[in-house]
PDB file of N, CA and C in Angstrom:
ATOM      1  N   MET A   1       7.245  28.816   3.027  1.00  0.00           N
ATOM      2  CA  MET A   1       7.162  27.483   2.457  1.00  0.00           C
ATOM      3  C   MET A   1       7.069  27.592   0.934  1.00  0.00           C
ATOM      4  N   SER A   2       7.634  26.629   0.238  1.00  0.00           N
ATOM      5  CA  SER A   2       7.625  26.658  -1.219  1.00  0.00           C
ATOM      6  C   SER A   2       6.245  26.295  -1.763  1.00  0.00           C
ATOM      7  N   GLU A   3       6.102  26.471  -3.071  1.00  0.00           N
ATOM      8  CA  GLU A   3       4.810  26.156  -3.681  1.00  0.00           C
ATOM      9  C   GLU A   3       4.572  24.657  -3.682  1.00  0.00           C
ATOM     10  N   SER A   4       3.321  24.313  -3.817  1.00  0.00           N
ATOM     11  CA  SER A   4       2.879  22.933  -3.758  1.00  0.00           C
ATOM     12  C   SER A   4       3.281  22.167  -5.022  1.00  0.00           C
ATOM     13  N   ARG A   5       3.629  20.889  -4.837  1.00  0.00           N
ATOM     14  CA  ARG A   5       3.977  20.000  -5.950  1.00  0.00           C
ATOM     15  C   ARG A   5       3.108  18.755  -5.886  1.00  0.00           C
ATOM     16  N   LEU A   6       2.854  18.179  -7.042  1.00  0.00           N
ATOM     17  CA  LEU A   6       2.141  16.908  -7.124  1.00  0.00           C
ATOM     18  C   LEU A   6       3.192  15.808  -7.108  1.00  0.00           C
ATOM     19  N   ALA A   7       2.980  14.780  -6.294  1.00  0.00           N
ATOM     20  CA  ALA A   7       3.975  13.717  -6.169  1.00  0.00           C
ATOM     21  C   ALA A   7       3.318  12.374  -5.898  1.00  0.00           C
ATOM     22  N   VAL A   8       4.085  11.321  -6.191  1.00  0.00           N
ATOM     23  CA  VAL A   8       3.695   9.953  -5.853  1.00  0.00           C
ATOM     24  C   VAL A   8       4.830   9.344  -5.048  1.00  0.00           C
ATOM     25  N   ILE A   9       4.504   8.803  -3.895  1.00  0.00           N
ATOM     26  CA  ILE A   9       5.481   8.060  -3.106  1.00  0.00           C
ATOM     27  C   ILE A   9       5.136   6.584  -3.249  1.00  0.00           C
ATOM     28  N   SER A  10       6.112   5.803  -3.679  1.00  0.00           N
ATOM     29  CA  SER A  10       5.942   4.348  -3.769  1.00  0.00           C
ATOM     30  C   SER A  10       6.648   3.728  -2.572  1.00  0.00           C
ATOM     31  N   ILE A  11       5.925   2.897  -1.868  1.00  0.00           N
ATOM     32  CA  ILE A  11       6.429   2.301  -0.625  1.00  0.00           C
ATOM     33  C   ILE A  11       6.330   0.779  -0.726  1.00  0.00           C
ATOM     34  N   ILE A  12       7.405   0.102  -0.354  1.00  0.00           N
ATOM     35  CA  ILE A  12       7.373  -1.362  -0.238  1.00  0.00           C
ATOM     36  C   ILE A  12       7.672  -1.705   1.216  1.00  0.00           C
ATOM     37  N   VAL A  13       6.724  -2.388   1.833  1.00  0.00           N
ATOM     38  CA  VAL A  13       6.864  -2.785   3.231  1.00  0.00           C
ATOM     39  C   VAL A  13       7.232  -4.263   3.261  1.00  0.00           C
ATOM     40  N   GLU A  14       8.510  -4.540   3.524  1.00  0.00           N
ATOM     41  CA  GLU A  14       8.973  -5.927   3.608  1.00  0.00           C
ATOM     42  C   GLU A  14       8.796  -6.482   5.013  1.00  0.00           C
ATOM     43  N   ASN A  15       8.853  -5.604   6.010  1.00  0.00           N
ATOM     44  CA  ASN A  15       8.634  -6.001   7.396  1.00  0.00           C
ATOM     45  C   ASN A  15       7.220  -5.574   7.770  1.00  0.00           C
ATOM     46  N   ARG A  16       6.284  -6.501   7.699  1.00  0.00           N
ATOM     47  CA  ARG A  16       4.877  -6.172   7.916  1.00  0.00           C
ATOM     48  C   ARG A  16       4.617  -5.644   9.328  1.00  0.00           C
ATOM     49  N   LEU A  17       5.541  -5.872  10.263  1.00  0.00           N
ATOM     50  CA  LEU A  17       5.395  -5.324  11.608  1.00  0.00           C
ATOM     51  C   LEU A  17       5.499  -3.800  11.600  1.00  0.00           C
ATOM     52  N   GLN A  18       6.020  -3.223  10.510  1.00  0.00           N
ATOM     53  CA  GLN A  18       6.148  -1.768  10.388  1.00  0.00           C
ATOM     54  C   GLN A  18       4.887  -1.114   9.808  1.00  0.00           C
ATOM     55  N   SER A  19       3.908  -1.906   9.429  1.00  0.00           N
ATOM     56  CA  SER A  19       2.701  -1.364   8.793  1.00  0.00           C
ATOM     57  C   SER A  19       2.027  -0.289   9.638  1.00  0.00           C
ATOM     58  N   ALA A  20       1.930  -0.506  10.939  1.00  0.00           N
ATOM     59  CA  ALA A  20       1.298   0.480  11.819  1.00  0.00           C
ATOM     60  C   ALA A  20       2.099   1.785  11.820  1.00  0.00           C
ATOM     61  N   ASN A  21       3.425   1.686  11.785  1.00  0.00           N
ATOM     62  CA  ASN A  21       4.269   2.887  11.769  1.00  0.00           C
ATOM     63  C   ASN A  21       4.126   3.644  10.452  1.00  0.00           C
ATOM     64  N   VAL A  22       4.035   2.910   9.346  1.00  0.00           N
ATOM     65  CA  VAL A  22       3.822   3.556   8.043  1.00  0.00           C
ATOM     66  C   VAL A  22       2.484   4.282   8.055  1.00  0.00           C
ATOM     67  N   ASN A  23       1.448   3.619   8.526  1.00  0.00           N
ATOM     68  CA  ASN A  23       0.115   4.234   8.574  1.00  0.00           C
ATOM     69  C   ASN A  23       0.090   5.449   9.493  1.00  0.00           C
ATOM     70  N   ALA A  24       0.824   5.404  10.598  1.00  0.00           N
ATOM     71  CA  ALA A  24       0.879   6.551  11.511  1.00  0.00           C
ATOM     72  C   ALA A  24       1.517   7.751  10.815  1.00  0.00           C
ATOM     73  N   LEU A  25       2.588   7.517  10.059  1.00  0.00           N
ATOM     74  CA  LEU A  25       3.231   8.616   9.334  1.00  0.00           C
ATOM     75  C   LEU A  25       2.315   9.171   8.251  1.00  0.00           C
ATOM     76  N   LEU A  26       1.628   8.299   7.532  1.00  0.00           N
ATOM     77  CA  LEU A  26       0.705   8.770   6.507  1.00  0.00           C
ATOM     78  C   LEU A  26      -0.426   9.578   7.127  1.00  0.00           C
ATOM     79  N   SER A  27      -0.890   9.177   8.289  1.00  0.00           N
ATOM     80  CA  SER A  27      -1.927   9.944   8.976  1.00  0.00           C
ATOM     81  C   SER A  27      -1.406  11.314   9.409  1.00  0.00           C
ATOM     82  N   GLU A  28      -0.158  11.351   9.860  1.00  0.00           N
ATOM     83  CA  GLU A  28       0.465  12.612  10.287  1.00  0.00           C
ATOM     84  C   GLU A  28       0.501  13.629   9.138  1.00  0.00           C
ATOM     85  N   PHE A  29       0.689  13.138   7.912  1.00  0.00           N
ATOM     86  CA  PHE A  29       0.767  14.000   6.735  1.00  0.00           C
ATOM     87  C   PHE A  29      -0.529  13.957   5.924  1.00  0.00           C
ATOM     88  N   GLY A  30      -1.608  13.491   6.544  1.00  0.00           N
ATOM     89  CA  GLY A  30      -2.878  13.270   5.864  1.00  0.00           C
ATOM     90  C   GLY A  30      -3.462  14.476   5.155  1.00  0.00           C
ATOM     91  N   GLU A  31      -3.189  15.670   5.643  1.00  0.00           N
ATOM     92  CA  GLU A  31      -3.763  16.866   5.013  1.00  0.00           C
ATOM     93  C   GLU A  31      -3.249  17.075   3.595  1.00  0.00           C
ATOM     94  N   TYR A  32      -2.120  16.453   3.245  1.00  0.00           N
ATOM     95  CA  TYR A  32      -1.523  16.602   1.918  1.00  0.00           C
ATOM     96  C   TYR A  32      -1.863  15.450   0.978  1.00  0.00           C
ATOM     97  N   ILE A  33      -2.427  14.367   1.510  1.00  0.00           N
ATOM     98  CA  ILE A  33      -2.661  13.162   0.721  1.00  0.00           C
ATOM     99  C   ILE A  33      -3.960  13.284  -0.077  1.00  0.00           C
ATOM    100  N   ILE A  34      -3.830  13.101  -1.391  1.00  0.00           N
ATOM    101  CA  ILE A  34      -4.989  13.103  -2.287  1.00  0.00           C
ATOM    102  C   ILE A  34      -5.633  11.717  -2.285  1.00  0.00           C
ATOM    103  N   GLY A  35      -4.802  10.688  -2.320  1.00  0.00           N
ATOM    104  CA  GLY A  35      -5.299   9.318  -2.327  1.00  0.00           C
ATOM    105  C   GLY A  35      -4.171   8.337  -2.100  1.00  0.00           C
ATOM    106  N   ARG A  36      -4.538   7.127  -1.750  1.00  0.00           N
ATOM    107  CA  ARG A  36      -3.541   6.079  -1.535  1.00  0.00           C
ATOM    108  C   ARG A  36      -4.139   4.737  -1.902  1.00  0.00           C
ATOM    109  N   MET A  37      -3.255   3.832  -2.305  1.00  0.00           N
ATOM    110  CA  MET A  37      -3.684   2.481  -2.644  1.00  0.00           C
ATOM    111  C   MET A  37      -2.658   1.518  -2.061  1.00  0.00           C
ATOM    112  N   GLY A  38      -3.129   0.569  -1.300  1.00  0.00           N
ATOM    113  CA  GLY A  38      -2.254  -0.444  -0.731  1.00  0.00           C
ATOM    114  C   GLY A  38      -2.618  -1.810  -1.270  1.00  0.00           C
ATOM    115  N   VAL A  39      -1.587  -2.560  -1.658  1.00  0.00           N
ATOM    116  CA  VAL A  39      -1.804  -3.894  -2.208  1.00  0.00           C
ATOM    117  C   VAL A  39      -0.938  -4.885  -1.441  1.00  0.00           C
ATOM    118  N   PRO A  40      -1.558  -5.777  -0.670  1.00  0.00           N
ATOM    119  CA  PRO A  40      -0.762  -6.821  -0.018  1.00  0.00           C
ATOM    120  C   PRO A  40      -0.398  -7.884  -1.050  1.00  0.00           C
ATOM    121  N   TYR A  41       0.852  -8.297  -1.035  1.00  0.00           N
ATOM    122  CA  TYR A  41       1.294  -9.356  -1.943  1.00  0.00           C
ATOM    123  C   TYR A  41       1.741 -10.514  -1.068  1.00  0.00           C
ATOM    124  N   ASN A  42       0.780 -11.361  -0.728  1.00  0.00           N
ATOM    125  CA  ASN A  42       1.015 -12.436   0.232  1.00  0.00           C
ATOM    126  C   ASN A  42       2.062 -13.436  -0.220  1.00  0.00           C
ATOM    127  N   LYS A  43       2.174 -13.656  -1.522  1.00  0.00           N
ATOM    128  CA  LYS A  43       3.155 -14.619  -2.035  1.00  0.00           C
ATOM    129  C   LYS A  43       4.575 -14.243  -1.624  1.00  0.00           C
ATOM    130  N   LYS A  44       4.850 -12.945  -1.546  1.00  0.00           N
ATOM    131  CA  LYS A  44       6.184 -12.458  -1.153  1.00  0.00           C
ATOM    132  C   LYS A  44       6.189 -11.883   0.266  1.00  0.00           C
ATOM    133  N   SER A  45       5.040 -11.912   0.938  1.00  0.00           N
ATOM    134  CA  SER A  45       4.893 -11.370   2.291  1.00  0.00           C
ATOM    135  C   SER A  45       5.303  -9.906   2.386  1.00  0.00           C
ATOM    136  N   VAL A  46       4.877  -9.115   1.411  1.00  0.00           N
ATOM    137  CA  VAL A  46       5.143  -7.683   1.407  1.00  0.00           C
ATOM    138  C   VAL A  46       3.838  -6.941   1.123  1.00  0.00           C
ATOM    139  N   ALA A  47       3.887  -5.627   1.341  1.00  0.00           N
ATOM    140  CA  ALA A  47       2.785  -4.756   0.945  1.00  0.00           C
ATOM    141  C   ALA A  47       3.367  -3.651   0.080  1.00  0.00           C
ATOM    142  N   VAL A  48       2.638  -3.278  -0.965  1.00  0.00           N
ATOM    143  CA  VAL A  48       3.052  -2.198  -1.853  1.00  0.00           C
ATOM    144  C   VAL A  48       2.012  -1.088  -1.720  1.00  0.00           C
ATOM    145  N   ILE A  49       2.492   0.124  -1.435  1.00  0.00           N
ATOM    146  CA  ILE A  49       1.587   1.254  -1.214  1.00  0.00           C
ATOM    147  C   ILE A  49       1.993   2.390  -2.145  1.00  0.00           C
ATOM    148  N   SER A  50       1.014   2.986  -2.807  1.00  0.00           N
ATOM    149  CA  SER A  50       1.224   4.195  -3.612  1.00  0.00           C
ATOM    150  C   SER A  50       0.442   5.319  -2.961  1.00  0.00           C
ATOM    151  N   VAL A  51       1.103   6.446  -2.755  1.00  0.00           N
ATOM    152  CA  VAL A  51       0.476   7.598  -2.109  1.00  0.00           C
ATOM    153  C   VAL A  51       0.627   8.808  -3.027  1.00  0.00           C
ATOM    154  N   VAL A  52      -0.481   9.465  -3.356  1.00  0.00           N
ATOM    155  CA  VAL A  52      -0.457  10.670  -4.185  1.00  0.00           C
ATOM    156  C   VAL A  52      -0.647  11.866  -3.265  1.00  0.00           C
ATOM    157  N   LEU A  53       0.266  12.850  -3.391  1.00  0.00           N
ATOM    158  CA  LEU A  53       0.224  14.027  -2.529  1.00  0.00           C
ATOM    159  C   LEU A  53       0.256  15.311  -3.333  1.00  0.00           C
ATOM    160  N   ASP A  54      -0.248  16.356  -2.714  1.00  0.00           N
ATOM    161  CA  ASP A  54      -0.108  17.718  -3.213  1.00  0.00           C
ATOM    162  C   ASP A  54       0.432  18.502  -2.025  1.00  0.00           C
ATOM    163  N   ALA A  55       1.753  18.775  -2.039  1.00  0.00           N
ATOM    164  CA  ALA A  55       2.416  19.363  -0.881  1.00  0.00           C
ATOM    165  C   ALA A  55       3.690  20.071  -1.311  1.00  0.00           C
ATOM    166  N   PRO A  56       4.232  20.928  -0.451  1.00  0.00           N
ATOM    167  CA  PRO A  56       5.537  21.513  -0.743  1.00  0.00           C
ATOM    168  C   PRO A  56       6.610  20.419  -0.826  1.00  0.00           C
ATOM    169  N   ALA A  57       7.615  20.628  -1.654  1.00  0.00           N
ATOM    170  CA  ALA A  57       8.674  19.627  -1.851  1.00  0.00           C
ATOM    171  C   ALA A  57       9.327  19.234  -0.529  1.00  0.00           C
ATOM    172  N   GLU A  58       9.518  20.197   0.359  1.00  0.00           N
ATOM    173  CA  GLU A  58      10.151  19.898   1.656  1.00  0.00           C
ATOM    174  C   GLU A  58       9.307  18.921   2.467  1.00  0.00           C
ATOM    175  N   THR A  59       8.002  19.083   2.404  1.00  0.00           N
ATOM    176  CA  THR A  59       7.089  18.201   3.138  1.00  0.00           C
ATOM    177  C   THR A  59       7.115  16.800   2.546  1.00  0.00           C
ATOM    178  N   ILE A  60       7.112  16.715   1.225  1.00  0.00           N
ATOM    179  CA  ILE A  60       7.161  15.415   0.550  1.00  0.00           C
ATOM    180  C   ILE A  60       8.455  14.691   0.904  1.00  0.00           C
ATOM    181  N   ASN A  61       9.569  15.417   0.847  1.00  0.00           N
ATOM    182  CA  ASN A  61      10.869  14.815   1.182  1.00  0.00           C
ATOM    183  C   ASN A  61      10.938  14.392   2.644  1.00  0.00           C
ATOM    184  N   LYS A  62      10.339  15.177   3.522  1.00  0.00           N
ATOM    185  CA  LYS A  62      10.325  14.843   4.948  1.00  0.00           C
ATOM    186  C   LYS A  62       9.573  13.539   5.177  1.00  0.00           C
ATOM    187  N   LEU A  63       8.395  13.400   4.556  1.00  0.00           N
ATOM    188  CA  LEU A  63       7.615  12.172   4.703  1.00  0.00           C
ATOM    189  C   LEU A  63       8.365  10.978   4.127  1.00  0.00           C
ATOM    190  N   THR A  64       8.912  11.137   2.935  1.00  0.00           N
ATOM    191  CA  THR A  64       9.659  10.035   2.315  1.00  0.00           C
ATOM    192  C   THR A  64      10.830   9.616   3.188  1.00  0.00           C
ATOM    193  N   GLY A  65      11.547  10.583   3.737  1.00  0.00           N
ATOM    194  CA  GLY A  65      12.684  10.290   4.605  1.00  0.00           C
ATOM    195  C   GLY A  65      12.283   9.546   5.856  1.00  0.00           C
ATOM    196  N   LYS A  66      11.195   9.980   6.490  1.00  0.00           N
ATOM    197  CA  LYS A  66      10.734   9.317   7.708  1.00  0.00           C
ATOM    198  C   LYS A  66      10.302   7.881   7.423  1.00  0.00           C
ATOM    199  N   ILE A  67       9.622   7.682   6.305  1.00  0.00           N
ATOM    200  CA  ILE A  67       9.194   6.322   5.943  1.00  0.00           C
ATOM    201  C   ILE A  67      10.418   5.458   5.662  1.00  0.00           C
ATOM    202  N   GLY A  68      11.381   6.002   4.914  1.00  0.00           N
ATOM    203  CA  GLY A  68      12.583   5.257   4.553  1.00  0.00           C
ATOM    204  C   GLY A  68      13.459   4.887   5.734  1.00  0.00           C
ATOM    205  N   MET A  69      13.316   5.594   6.850  1.00  0.00           N
ATOM    206  CA  MET A  69      14.116   5.282   8.041  1.00  0.00           C
ATOM    207  C   MET A  69      13.557   4.097   8.819  1.00  0.00           C
ATOM    208  N   LEU A  70      12.351   3.669   8.490  1.00  0.00           N
ATOM    209  CA  LEU A  70      11.769   2.502   9.148  1.00  0.00           C
ATOM    210  C   LEU A  70      12.453   1.240   8.629  1.00  0.00           C
ATOM    211  N   GLY A  71      12.844   0.373   9.513  1.00  0.00           N
ATOM    212  CA  GLY A  71      13.495  -0.873   9.109  1.00  0.00           C
ATOM    213  C   GLY A  71      12.573  -1.758   8.304  1.00  0.00           C
ATOM    214  N   GLY A  72      13.056  -2.262   7.188  1.00  0.00           N
ATOM    215  CA  GLY A  72      12.247  -3.151   6.359  1.00  0.00           C
ATOM    216  C   GLY A  72      11.246  -2.432   5.483  1.00  0.00           C
ATOM    217  N   VAL A  73      11.438  -1.112   5.314  1.00  0.00           N
ATOM    218  CA  VAL A  73      10.533  -0.319   4.480  1.00  0.00           C
ATOM    219  C   VAL A  73      11.366   0.510   3.512  1.00  0.00           C
ATOM    220  N   SER A  74      10.982   0.499   2.228  1.00  0.00           N
ATOM    221  CA  SER A  74      11.649   1.306   1.202  1.00  0.00           C
ATOM    222  C   SER A  74      10.649   2.291   0.635  1.00  0.00           C
ATOM    223  N   ALA A  75      11.137   3.504   0.310  1.00  0.00           N
ATOM    224  CA  ALA A  75      10.251   4.522  -0.255  1.00  0.00           C
ATOM    225  C   ALA A  75      11.014   5.335  -1.294  1.00  0.00           C
ATOM    226  N   LYS A  76      10.350   5.611  -2.402  1.00  0.00           N
ATOM    227  CA  LYS A  76      10.893   6.464  -3.475  1.00  0.00           C
ATOM    228  C   LYS A  76       9.804   7.432  -3.909  1.00  0.00           C
ATOM    229  N   THR A  77      10.233   8.614  -4.335  1.00  0.00           N
ATOM    230  CA  THR A  77       9.283   9.662  -4.708  1.00  0.00           C
ATOM    231  C   THR A  77       9.503  10.110  -6.134  1.00  0.00           C
ATOM    232  N   LEU A  78       8.403  10.371  -6.809  1.00  0.00           N
ATOM    233  CA  LEU A  78       8.414  10.988  -8.130  1.00  0.00           C
ATOM    234  C   LEU A  78       7.590  12.259  -8.017  1.00  0.00           C
ATOM    235  N   MET A  79       8.222  13.414  -8.327  1.00  0.00           N
ATOM    236  CA  MET A  79       7.530  14.707  -8.251  1.00  0.00           C
ATOM    237  C   MET A  79       7.305  15.281  -9.632  1.00  0.00           C
ATOM    238  N   SER A  80       6.146  15.913  -9.791  1.00  0.00           N
ATOM    239  CA  SER A  80       5.842  16.590 -11.045  1.00  0.00           C
ATOM    240  C   SER A  80       6.555  17.919 -11.084  1.00  0.00           C
ATOM    241  N   ARG A  81       6.580  18.513 -12.244  1.00  0.00           N
ATOM    242  CA  ARG A  81       7.143  19.858 -12.386  1.00  0.00           C
ATOM    243  C   ARG A  81       6.053  20.911 -12.243  1.00  0.00           C
ATOM    244  N   ILE A  82       4.828  20.453 -12.038  1.00  0.00           N
ATOM    245  CA  ILE A  82       3.670  21.355 -11.929  1.00  0.00           C
ATOM    246  C   ILE A  82       3.690  22.040 -10.579  1.00  0.00           C
TER     247      ILE A  82
END
């Protein structure tokens, strides 16, 4: 496995019915999560979640990909060079 990277995954949940699936995936990768912040934005009926991880790049990409495959959910990742 490659060396660990610091990353932030930004998630927008437009289909609130997917919230349980997003949380299940985050729990599955919980050993890598440093912290997370979720903000419901009721005016637009969405939730915005930021997740900070310390994990190998492959693991970060795997989590982002799985989240992005959920209908009504978007995810983007920013990785450090550290």
